[in-house]
Amino acid sequence: LLKNQFVLTGSVAGAYFPKEKAGRPGK
């Protein structure tokens, strides 16, 4: 691993996974 690389370490909980497209847009 190199200087200034970033590492996402893994999800802390189950992912937010909306089944309907209407549940996707938002802040």
PDB file of all heavy atoms in Angstrom:
ATOM      1  N   LEU A   1       0.863  -1.179   0.000  1.00  0.00           N
ATOM      2  CA  LEU A   1       0.000   0.000   0.000  1.00  0.00           C
ATOM      3  C   LEU A   1       0.904   1.234   0.000  1.00  0.00           C
ATOM      4  O   LEU A   1       1.964   1.235   0.627  1.00  0.00           O
ATOM      5  CB  LEU A   1      -0.900  -0.001   1.232  1.00  0.00           C
ATOM      6  CG  LEU A   1      -1.899  -1.153   1.314  1.00  0.00           C
ATOM      7  CD1 LEU A   1      -2.673  -1.085   2.626  1.00  0.00           C
ATOM      8  CD2 LEU A   1      -2.854  -1.145   0.137  1.00  0.00           C
ATOM      9  N   LEU A   2       0.471   2.289  -0.677  1.00  0.00           N
ATOM     10  CA  LEU A   2       1.330   3.452  -0.894  1.00  0.00           C
ATOM     11  C   LEU A   2       0.790   4.733  -0.259  1.00  0.00           C
ATOM     12  O   LEU A   2      -0.412   4.860  -0.005  1.00  0.00           O
ATOM     13  CB  LEU A   2       1.519   3.673  -2.397  1.00  0.00           C
ATOM     14  CG  LEU A   2       2.082   2.485  -3.173  1.00  0.00           C
ATOM     15  CD1 LEU A   2       2.089   2.774  -4.668  1.00  0.00           C
ATOM     16  CD2 LEU A   2       3.462   2.117  -2.664  1.00  0.00           C
ATOM     17  N   LYS A   3       1.689   5.666  -0.056  1.00  0.00           N
ATOM     18  CA  LYS A   3       1.373   6.983   0.494  1.00  0.00           C
ATOM     19  C   LYS A   3       0.191   7.586  -0.277  1.00  0.00           C
ATOM     20  O   LYS A   3       0.126   7.489  -1.502  1.00  0.00           O
ATOM     21  CB  LYS A   3       2.592   7.895   0.375  1.00  0.00           C
ATOM     22  CG  LYS A   3       2.367   9.293   0.876  1.00  0.00           C
ATOM     23  CD  LYS A   3       3.626  10.124   0.724  1.00  0.00           C
ATOM     24  CE  LYS A   3       3.378  11.533   1.222  1.00  0.00           C
ATOM     25  NZ  LYS A   3       4.589  12.348   1.148  1.00  0.00           N
ATOM     26  N   ASN A   4      -0.726   8.169   0.472  1.00  0.00           N
ATOM     27  CA  ASN A   4      -1.936   8.833  -0.033  1.00  0.00           C
ATOM     28  C   ASN A   4      -2.992   7.888  -0.595  1.00  0.00           C
ATOM     29  O   ASN A   4      -4.050   8.352  -1.022  1.00  0.00           O
ATOM     30  CB  ASN A   4      -1.600   9.928  -1.048  1.00  0.00           C
ATOM     31  CG  ASN A   4      -0.866  11.077  -0.398  1.00  0.00           C
ATOM     32  OD1 ASN A   4      -1.157  11.451   0.735  1.00  0.00           O
ATOM     33  ND2 ASN A   4       0.113  11.611  -1.095  1.00  0.00           N
ATOM     34  N   GLN A   5      -2.734   6.587  -0.576  1.00  0.00           N
ATOM     35  CA  GLN A   5      -3.796   5.648  -0.927  1.00  0.00           C
ATOM     36  C   GLN A   5      -4.822   5.691   0.190  1.00  0.00           C
ATOM     37  O   GLN A   5      -4.505   6.000   1.334  1.00  0.00           O
ATOM     38  CB  GLN A   5      -3.252   4.216  -1.016  1.00  0.00           C
ATOM     39  CG  GLN A   5      -3.027   3.744  -2.418  1.00  0.00           C
ATOM     40  CD  GLN A   5      -2.650   2.276  -2.467  1.00  0.00           C
ATOM     41  OE1 GLN A   5      -1.789   1.813  -1.730  1.00  0.00           O
ATOM     42  NE2 GLN A   5      -3.284   1.550  -3.358  1.00  0.00           N
ATOM     43  N   PHE A   6      -6.059   5.387  -0.162  1.00  0.00           N
ATOM     44  CA  PHE A   6      -7.075   5.264   0.877  1.00  0.00           C
ATOM     45  C   PHE A   6      -7.635   3.861   0.848  1.00  0.00           C
ATOM     46  O   PHE A   6      -7.632   3.196  -0.193  1.00  0.00           O
ATOM     47  CB  PHE A   6      -8.174   6.320   0.727  1.00  0.00           C
ATOM     48  CG  PHE A   6      -8.937   6.211  -0.552  1.00  0.00           C
ATOM     49  CD1 PHE A   6     -10.074   5.425  -0.625  1.00  0.00           C
ATOM     50  CD2 PHE A   6      -8.527   6.895  -1.670  1.00  0.00           C
ATOM     51  CE1 PHE A   6     -10.770   5.309  -1.806  1.00  0.00           C
ATOM     52  CE2 PHE A   6      -9.220   6.792  -2.857  1.00  0.00           C
ATOM     53  CZ  PHE A   6     -10.349   5.998  -2.917  1.00  0.00           C
ATOM     54  N   VAL A   7      -8.061   3.411   2.014  1.00  0.00           N
ATOM     55  CA  VAL A   7      -8.584   2.051   2.153  1.00  0.00           C
ATOM     56  C   VAL A   7      -9.931   2.119   2.863  1.00  0.00           C
ATOM     57  O   VAL A   7     -10.016   2.575   4.005  1.00  0.00           O
ATOM     58  CB  VAL A   7      -7.610   1.166   2.967  1.00  0.00           C
ATOM     59  CG1 VAL A   7      -8.200  -0.221   3.174  1.00  0.00           C
ATOM     60  CG2 VAL A   7      -6.256   1.093   2.290  1.00  0.00           C
ATOM     61  N   LEU A   8     -10.981   1.709   2.154  1.00  0.00           N
ATOM     62  CA  LEU A   8     -12.289   1.519   2.766  1.00  0.00           C
ATOM     63  C   LEU A   8     -12.236   0.142   3.416  1.00  0.00           C
ATOM     64  O   LEU A   8     -11.909  -0.845   2.755  1.00  0.00           O
ATOM     65  CB  LEU A   8     -13.391   1.588   1.709  1.00  0.00           C
ATOM     66  CG  LEU A   8     -13.592   2.979   1.112  1.00  0.00           C
ATOM     67  CD1 LEU A   8     -13.146   3.017  -0.329  1.00  0.00           C
ATOM     68  CD2 LEU A   8     -15.034   3.384   1.228  1.00  0.00           C
ATOM     69  N   THR A   9     -12.527   0.066   4.701  1.00  0.00           N
ATOM     70  CA  THR A   9     -12.229  -1.145   5.459  1.00  0.00           C
ATOM     71  C   THR A   9     -13.345  -2.181   5.503  1.00  0.00           C
ATOM     72  O   THR A   9     -13.131  -3.288   5.982  1.00  0.00           O
ATOM     73  CB  THR A   9     -11.845  -0.782   6.901  1.00  0.00           C
ATOM     74  OG1 THR A   9     -12.912  -0.036   7.501  1.00  0.00           O
ATOM     75  CG2 THR A   9     -10.551   0.012   6.922  1.00  0.00           C
ATOM     76  N   GLY A  10     -14.521  -1.847   5.024  1.00  0.00           N
ATOM     77  CA  GLY A  10     -15.631  -2.796   5.048  1.00  0.00           C
ATOM     78  C   GLY A  10     -16.836  -2.198   5.741  1.00  0.00           C
ATOM     79  O   GLY A  10     -16.719  -1.367   6.634  1.00  0.00           O
ATOM     80  N   SER A  11     -18.012  -2.623   5.324  1.00  0.00           N
ATOM     81  CA  SER A  11     -19.254  -2.078   5.845  1.00  0.00           C
ATOM     82  C   SER A  11     -19.430  -2.399   7.323  1.00  0.00           C
ATOM     83  O   SER A  11     -19.182  -3.515   7.756  1.00  0.00           O
ATOM     84  CB  SER A  11     -20.432  -2.643   5.050  1.00  0.00           C
ATOM     85  OG  SER A  11     -21.635  -2.041   5.452  1.00  0.00           O
ATOM     86  N   VAL A  12     -19.887  -1.410   8.070  1.00  0.00           N
ATOM     87  CA  VAL A  12     -20.098  -1.588   9.509  1.00  0.00           C
ATOM     88  C   VAL A  12     -21.451  -2.215   9.819  1.00  0.00           C
ATOM     89  O   VAL A  12     -21.707  -2.618  10.946  1.00  0.00           O
ATOM     90  CB  VAL A  12     -19.967  -0.246  10.272  1.00  0.00           C
ATOM     91  CG1 VAL A  12     -18.604   0.359  10.068  1.00  0.00           C
ATOM     92  CG2 VAL A  12     -21.059   0.722   9.866  1.00  0.00           C
ATOM     93  N   ALA A  13     -22.319  -2.272   8.817  1.00  0.00           N
ATOM     94  CA  ALA A  13     -23.655  -2.851   8.986  1.00  0.00           C
ATOM     95  C   ALA A  13     -24.113  -3.356   7.628  1.00  0.00           C
ATOM     96  O   ALA A  13     -23.453  -3.110   6.614  1.00  0.00           O
ATOM     97  CB  ALA A  13     -24.628  -1.794   9.522  1.00  0.00           C
ATOM     98  N   GLY A  14     -25.236  -4.016   7.607  1.00  0.00           N
ATOM     99  CA  GLY A  14     -25.782  -4.445   6.333  1.00  0.00           C
ATOM    100  C   GLY A  14     -26.012  -3.238   5.437  1.00  0.00           C
ATOM    101  O   GLY A  14     -26.421  -2.176   5.901  1.00  0.00           O
ATOM    102  N   ALA A  15     -25.752  -3.383   4.176  1.00  0.00           N
ATOM    103  CA  ALA A  15     -25.889  -2.274   3.241  1.00  0.00           C
ATOM    104  C   ALA A  15     -27.344  -1.833   3.121  1.00  0.00           C
ATOM    105  O   ALA A  15     -28.268  -2.634   3.269  1.00  0.00           O
ATOM    106  CB  ALA A  15     -25.357  -2.684   1.874  1.00  0.00           C
ATOM    107  N   TYR A  16     -27.524  -0.539   2.831  1.00  0.00           N
ATOM    108  CA  TYR A  16     -28.857  -0.028   2.491  1.00  0.00           C
ATOM    109  C   TYR A  16     -29.111  -0.445   1.051  1.00  0.00           C
ATOM    110  O   TYR A  16     -28.378  -0.068   0.146  1.00  0.00           O
ATOM    111  CB  TYR A  16     -28.907   1.491   2.652  1.00  0.00           C
ATOM    112  CG  TYR A  16     -30.210   2.085   2.173  1.00  0.00           C
ATOM    113  CD1 TYR A  16     -31.412   1.769   2.805  1.00  0.00           C
ATOM    114  CD2 TYR A  16     -30.246   2.961   1.099  1.00  0.00           C
ATOM    115  CE1 TYR A  16     -32.611   2.302   2.373  1.00  0.00           C
ATOM    116  CE2 TYR A  16     -31.444   3.506   0.663  1.00  0.00           C
ATOM    117  CZ  TYR A  16     -32.615   3.174   1.291  1.00  0.00           C
ATOM    118  OH  TYR A  16     -33.805   3.705   0.863  1.00  0.00           O
ATOM    119  N   PHE A  17     -30.143  -1.251   0.850  1.00  0.00           N
ATOM    120  CA  PHE A  17     -30.390  -1.865  -0.447  1.00  0.00           C
ATOM    121  C   PHE A  17     -31.881  -1.762  -0.777  1.00  0.00           C
ATOM    122  O   PHE A  17     -32.638  -2.717  -0.591  1.00  0.00           O
ATOM    123  CB  PHE A  17     -29.965  -3.328  -0.368  1.00  0.00           C
ATOM    124  CG  PHE A  17     -29.749  -4.005  -1.680  1.00  0.00           C
ATOM    125  CD1 PHE A  17     -29.158  -5.254  -1.708  1.00  0.00           C
ATOM    126  CD2 PHE A  17     -30.125  -3.447  -2.885  1.00  0.00           C
ATOM    127  CE1 PHE A  17     -28.939  -5.922  -2.901  1.00  0.00           C
ATOM    128  CE2 PHE A  17     -29.924  -4.095  -4.083  1.00  0.00           C
ATOM    129  CZ  PHE A  17     -29.332  -5.334  -4.096  1.00  0.00           C
ATOM    130  N   PRO A  18     -32.334  -0.586  -1.249  1.00  0.00           N
ATOM    131  CA  PRO A  18     -33.760  -0.436  -1.534  1.00  0.00           C
ATOM    132  C   PRO A  18     -34.182  -1.288  -2.727  1.00  0.00           C
ATOM    133  O   PRO A  18     -33.493  -1.334  -3.739  1.00  0.00           O
ATOM    134  CB  PRO A  18     -33.907   1.056  -1.858  1.00  0.00           C
ATOM    135  CG  PRO A  18     -32.559   1.472  -2.331  1.00  0.00           C
ATOM    136  CD  PRO A  18     -31.572   0.606  -1.591  1.00  0.00           C
ATOM    137  N   LYS A  19     -35.284  -1.979  -2.586  1.00  0.00           N
ATOM    138  CA  LYS A  19     -35.770  -2.856  -3.649  1.00  0.00           C
ATOM    139  C   LYS A  19     -36.434  -2.062  -4.777  1.00  0.00           C
ATOM    140  O   LYS A  19     -36.392  -2.453  -5.924  1.00  0.00           O
ATOM    141  CB  LYS A  19     -36.737  -3.876  -3.070  1.00  0.00           C
ATOM    142  CG  LYS A  19     -36.071  -4.822  -2.083  1.00  0.00           C
ATOM    143  CD  LYS A  19     -37.063  -5.849  -1.585  1.00  0.00           C
ATOM    144  CE  LYS A  19     -36.580  -6.668  -0.441  1.00  0.00           C
ATOM    145  NZ  LYS A  19     -35.369  -7.322  -0.467  1.00  0.00           N
ATOM    146  N   GLU A  20     -37.026  -0.937  -4.421  1.00  0.00           N
ATOM    147  CA  GLU A  20     -37.724  -0.103  -5.405  1.00  0.00           C
ATOM    148  C   GLU A  20     -36.849   1.091  -5.784  1.00  0.00           C
ATOM    149  O   GLU A  20     -36.168   1.659  -4.932  1.00  0.00           O
ATOM    150  CB  GLU A  20     -39.050   0.401  -4.826  1.00  0.00           C
ATOM    151  CG  GLU A  20     -39.987  -0.704  -4.375  1.00  0.00           C
ATOM    152  CD  GLU A  20     -40.453  -1.589  -5.514  1.00  0.00           C
ATOM    153  OE1 GLU A  20     -40.646  -1.061  -6.624  1.00  0.00           O
ATOM    154  OE2 GLU A  20     -40.600  -2.806  -5.291  1.00  0.00           O
ATOM    155  N   LYS A  21     -36.908   1.491  -7.050  1.00  0.00           N
ATOM    156  CA  LYS A  21     -36.122   2.640  -7.513  1.00  0.00           C
ATOM    157  C   LYS A  21     -36.475   3.910  -6.754  1.00  0.00           C
ATOM    158  O   LYS A  21     -35.637   4.779  -6.565  1.00  0.00           O
ATOM    159  CB  LYS A  21     -36.304   2.845  -9.013  1.00  0.00           C
ATOM    160  CG  LYS A  21     -35.586   1.816  -9.839  1.00  0.00           C
ATOM    161  CD  LYS A  21     -35.660   2.134 -11.308  1.00  0.00           C
ATOM    162  CE  LYS A  21     -34.893   1.069 -12.086  1.00  0.00           C
ATOM    163  NZ  LYS A  21     -34.833   1.371 -13.509  1.00  0.00           N
ATOM    164  N   ALA A  22     -37.709   4.031  -6.296  1.00  0.00           N
ATOM    165  CA  ALA A  22     -38.140   5.224  -5.571  1.00  0.00           C
ATOM    166  C   ALA A  22     -37.383   5.378  -4.252  1.00  0.00           C
ATOM    167  O   ALA A  22     -37.285   6.487  -3.712  1.00  0.00           O
ATOM    168  CB  ALA A  22     -39.643   5.161  -5.301  1.00  0.00           C
ATOM    169  N   GLY A  23     -36.830   4.302  -3.734  1.00  0.00           N
ATOM    170  CA  GLY A  23     -36.079   4.358  -2.476  1.00  0.00           C
ATOM    171  C   GLY A  23     -34.621   4.733  -2.645  1.00  0.00           C
ATOM    172  O   GLY A  23     -33.869   4.764  -1.681  1.00  0.00           O
ATOM    173  N   ARG A  24     -34.189   5.005  -3.873  1.00  0.00           N
ATOM    174  CA  ARG A  24     -32.785   5.310  -4.138  1.00  0.00           C
ATOM    175  C   ARG A  24     -32.440   6.792  -4.054  1.00  0.00           C
ATOM    176  O   ARG A  24     -31.480   7.145  -3.392  1.00  0.00           O
ATOM    177  CB  ARG A  24     -32.387   4.761  -5.504  1.00  0.00           C
ATOM    178  CG  ARG A  24     -32.470   3.258  -5.566  1.00  0.00           C
ATOM    179  CD  ARG A  24     -32.199   2.738  -6.947  1.00  0.00           C
ATOM    180  NE  ARG A  24     -32.409   1.296  -6.985  1.00  0.00           N
ATOM    181  CZ  ARG A  24     -32.421   0.590  -8.079  1.00  0.00           C
ATOM    182  NH1 ARG A  24     -32.220   1.172  -9.245  1.00  0.00           N
ATOM    183  NH2 ARG A  24     -32.623  -0.711  -8.022  1.00  0.00           N
ATOM    184  N   PRO A  25     -33.171   7.678  -4.745  1.00  0.00           N
ATOM    185  CA  PRO A  25     -32.789   9.094  -4.710  1.00  0.00           C
ATOM    186  C   PRO A  25     -32.902   9.674  -3.309  1.00  0.00           C
ATOM    187  O   PRO A  25     -33.727   9.242  -2.508  1.00  0.00           O
ATOM    188  CB  PRO A  25     -33.802   9.765  -5.637  1.00  0.00           C
ATOM    189  CG  PRO A  25     -34.376   8.680  -6.470  1.00  0.00           C
ATOM    190  CD  PRO A  25     -34.319   7.437  -5.616  1.00  0.00           C
ATOM    191  N   GLY A  26     -32.061  10.646  -3.022  1.00  0.00           N
ATOM    192  CA  GLY A  26     -32.132  11.320  -1.735  1.00  0.00           C
ATOM    193  C   GLY A  26     -30.778  11.825  -1.303  1.00  0.00           C
ATOM    194  O   GLY A  26     -29.763  11.615  -1.969  1.00  0.00           O
ATOM    195  N   LYS A  27     -30.783  12.503  -0.173  1.00  0.00           N
ATOM    196  CA  LYS A  27     -29.552  13.017   0.413  1.00  0.00           C
ATOM    197  C   LYS A  27     -29.138  12.050   1.530  1.00  0.00           C
ATOM    198  O   LYS A  27     -29.847  11.898   2.525  1.00  0.00           O
ATOM    199  CB  LYS A  27     -29.751  14.411   0.978  1.00  0.00           C
ATOM    200  CG  LYS A  27     -28.501  15.018   1.562  1.00  0.00           C
ATOM    201  CD  LYS A  27     -28.760  16.433   2.053  1.00  0.00           C
ATOM    202  CE  LYS A  27     -27.502  17.051   2.599  1.00  0.00           C
ATOM    203  NZ  LYS A  27     -27.771  18.422   3.059  1.00  0.00           N
TER     204      LYS A  27
END
